[in-house]
Structures are given as structure tokens and as C-alpha cells.
Amino acid sequence: MPTETPHNDTLFIEKGSGERLGPLHGTVEADRVILEAIHEIAAGDVLIHRRSDQADARLTVTEPGFQPEIGNVPAHYEARVTRAE
């Protein structure tokens, strides 16, 4: 998957039904997660950021931010997130 930014973070998607999808690769920032568009995400889904040195972080999707494929940049999400409790 050639992109300008390497996706070094491991994430899982937790749907409202309890279904868990992944792992996926992405980049976690303060209030945004960029991730592969392998599975559909929606507002209210929880992204679980697997961290080796700490407990997993739970991030609630507020805006999925789907970005279609353009040229050699594959389809992906630029999701807006908040920290889940």
C-alpha cells in the first residue's frame, strides 16, 4: 500500500454490535486516525489502538472521513476521534 505516510500503528475496529475487525494499519494522531479502508467505519465505532508499551487506547469515531482512491494513493479513512472512556 504505497502512501506518503507510513502506517506504523496497529488498530482494530469495534462495531456497535460487538463485532471486532482487524488488525489494520494506520497512523494515530491527537484527534485523527488515518487508516486503511479495508473495512467500513462509521460514527460511533470504536478504534482500538494496540500499543506495546501501554494499555490499549479506545478511540470513538466522530467523523469517518472516507477518502477515495486518487492516483497511486489508495482509498483510506481520515477519521476524527475522541478518547473513549
C-alpha atoms as a PDB file:
ATOM      1  CA  MET A   1       0.000   0.000   0.000  1.00  0.00           C
ATOM      2  CA  PRO A   2       2.124   2.958  -1.151  1.00  0.00           C
ATOM      3  CA  THR A   3       1.273   6.145   0.695  1.00  0.00           C
ATOM      4  CA  GLU A   4       3.184   9.242   1.682  1.00  0.00           C
ATOM      5  CA  THR A   5       2.963   8.458   5.420  1.00  0.00           C
ATOM      6  CA  PRO A   6       3.959   5.043   6.764  1.00  0.00           C
ATOM      7  CA  HIS A   7       1.223   3.411   8.826  1.00  0.00           C
ATOM      8  CA  ASN A   8       3.034   2.088  11.879  1.00  0.00           C
ATOM      9  CA  ASP A   9       0.148   1.730  14.361  1.00  0.00           C
ATOM     10  CA  THR A  10      -1.973  -1.404  14.785  1.00  0.00           C
ATOM     11  CA  LEU A  11      -5.715  -0.863  15.148  1.00  0.00           C
ATOM     12  CA  PHE A  12      -8.899  -2.897  15.497  1.00  0.00           C
ATOM     13  CA  ILE A  13     -12.461  -1.729  14.790  1.00  0.00           C
ATOM     14  CA  GLU A  14     -15.143  -2.476  17.366  1.00  0.00           C
ATOM     15  CA  LYS A  15     -18.635  -2.145  15.892  1.00  0.00           C
ATOM     16  CA  GLY A  16     -21.749  -1.331  17.930  1.00  0.00           C
ATOM     17  CA  SER A  17     -22.804  -4.976  17.624  1.00  0.00           C
ATOM     18  CA  GLY A  18     -19.626  -6.028  19.448  1.00  0.00           C
ATOM     19  CA  GLU A  19     -18.019  -7.386  16.262  1.00  0.00           C
ATOM     20  CA  ARG A  20     -14.264  -6.799  16.189  1.00  0.00           C
ATOM     21  CA  LEU A  21     -12.441  -6.355  12.858  1.00  0.00           C
ATOM     22  CA  GLY A  22      -8.754  -6.180  12.109  1.00  0.00           C
ATOM     23  CA  PRO A  23      -5.939  -5.844  12.601  1.00  0.00           C
ATOM     24  CA  LEU A  24      -5.500  -2.779  10.399  1.00  0.00           C
ATOM     25  CA  HIS A  25      -2.544  -0.488   9.958  1.00  0.00           C
ATOM     26  CA  GLY A  26      -2.802   3.237  10.418  1.00  0.00           C
ATOM     27  CA  THR A  27      -1.408   6.374  11.983  1.00  0.00           C
ATOM     28  CA  VAL A  28      -2.809   7.689  15.263  1.00  0.00           C
ATOM     29  CA  GLU A  29      -2.588  11.428  15.930  1.00  0.00           C
ATOM     30  CA  ALA A  30      -4.156  13.549  18.700  1.00  0.00           C
ATOM     31  CA  ASP A  31      -7.719  13.706  17.333  1.00  0.00           C
ATOM     32  CA  ARG A  32      -7.346  11.959  13.981  1.00  0.00           C
ATOM     33  CA  VAL A  33      -6.607   8.436  12.795  1.00  0.00           C
ATOM     34  CA  ILE A  34      -5.543   7.642   9.232  1.00  0.00           C
ATOM     35  CA  LEU A  35      -6.198   4.012   8.372  1.00  0.00           C
ATOM     36  CA  GLU A  36      -6.601   1.563   5.542  1.00  0.00           C
ATOM     37  CA  ALA A  37     -10.081   1.340   4.000  1.00  0.00           C
ATOM     38  CA  ILE A  38     -10.312  -2.441   4.292  1.00  0.00           C
ATOM     39  CA  HIS A  39     -13.424  -2.383   6.487  1.00  0.00           C
ATOM     40  CA  GLU A  40     -16.121   0.285   6.599  1.00  0.00           C
ATOM     41  CA  ILE A  41     -16.140   2.511   9.682  1.00  0.00           C
ATOM     42  CA  ALA A  42     -18.965   4.713  10.904  1.00  0.00           C
ATOM     43  CA  ALA A  43     -19.541   7.376  13.549  1.00  0.00           C
ATOM     44  CA  GLY A  44     -19.817   5.655  16.917  1.00  0.00           C
ATOM     45  CA  ASP A  45     -17.435   2.800  16.059  1.00  0.00           C
ATOM     46  CA  VAL A  46     -14.521   2.382  18.452  1.00  0.00           C
ATOM     47  CA  LEU A  47     -10.968   2.107  17.134  1.00  0.00           C
ATOM     48  CA  ILE A  48      -8.712   0.162  19.466  1.00  0.00           C
ATOM     49  CA  HIS A  49      -5.119   1.323  19.217  1.00  0.00           C
ATOM     50  CA  ARG A  50      -2.863  -1.573  20.195  1.00  0.00           C
ATOM     51  CA  ARG A  51       0.210  -0.199  21.985  1.00  0.00           C
ATOM     52  CA  SER A  52       3.035  -2.488  23.070  1.00  0.00           C
ATOM     53  CA  ASP A  53       4.291  -0.278  25.893  1.00  0.00           C
ATOM     54  CA  GLN A  54       0.913   0.720  27.421  1.00  0.00           C
ATOM     55  CA  ALA A  55      -2.692  -0.376  27.720  1.00  0.00           C
ATOM     56  CA  ASP A  56      -4.772  -0.289  24.531  1.00  0.00           C
ATOM     57  CA  ALA A  57      -6.323   3.103  23.746  1.00  0.00           C
ATOM     58  CA  ARG A  58     -10.017   3.250  22.803  1.00  0.00           C
ATOM     59  CA  LEU A  59     -10.922   5.988  20.293  1.00  0.00           C
ATOM     60  CA  THR A  60     -14.528   6.752  19.329  1.00  0.00           C
ATOM     61  CA  VAL A  61     -15.071   7.759  15.695  1.00  0.00           C
ATOM     62  CA  THR A  62     -16.952  11.072  15.414  1.00  0.00           C
ATOM     63  CA  GLU A  63     -16.459  11.534  11.636  1.00  0.00           C
ATOM     64  CA  PRO A  64     -15.270   8.642   9.427  1.00  0.00           C
ATOM     65  CA  GLY A  65     -13.706  10.902   6.750  1.00  0.00           C
ATOM     66  CA  PHE A  66     -13.581   8.395   3.888  1.00  0.00           C
ATOM     67  CA  GLN A  67     -11.122   9.384   1.151  1.00  0.00           C
ATOM     68  CA  PRO A  68     -11.487   7.608  -2.225  1.00  0.00           C
ATOM     69  CA  GLU A  69      -8.517   6.331  -4.210  1.00  0.00           C
ATOM     70  CA  ILE A  70      -6.766   9.120  -6.104  1.00  0.00           C
ATOM     71  CA  GLY A  71      -3.914   8.213  -8.422  1.00  0.00           C
ATOM     72  CA  ASN A  72      -1.493   5.987  -6.531  1.00  0.00           C
ATOM     73  CA  VAL A  73      -2.952   6.879  -3.114  1.00  0.00           C
ATOM     74  CA  PRO A  74      -5.306   4.054  -2.080  1.00  0.00           C
ATOM     75  CA  ALA A  75      -8.715   4.628  -0.504  1.00  0.00           C
ATOM     76  CA  HIS A  76      -8.415   5.315   3.210  1.00  0.00           C
ATOM     77  CA  TYR A  77     -10.097   6.970   6.182  1.00  0.00           C
ATOM     78  CA  GLU A  78      -9.032  10.183   7.888  1.00  0.00           C
ATOM     79  CA  ALA A  79     -11.267   9.650  10.903  1.00  0.00           C
ATOM     80  CA  ARG A  80     -11.869  12.266  13.573  1.00  0.00           C
ATOM     81  CA  VAL A  81     -11.848  10.633  17.005  1.00  0.00           C
ATOM     82  CA  THR A  82     -12.254  11.311  20.712  1.00  0.00           C
ATOM     83  CA  ARG A  83     -10.847   9.239  23.556  1.00  0.00           C
ATOM     84  CA  ALA A  84     -13.397   6.653  24.673  1.00  0.00           C
ATOM     85  CA  GLU A  85     -13.990   6.102  28.371  1.00  0.00           C
END
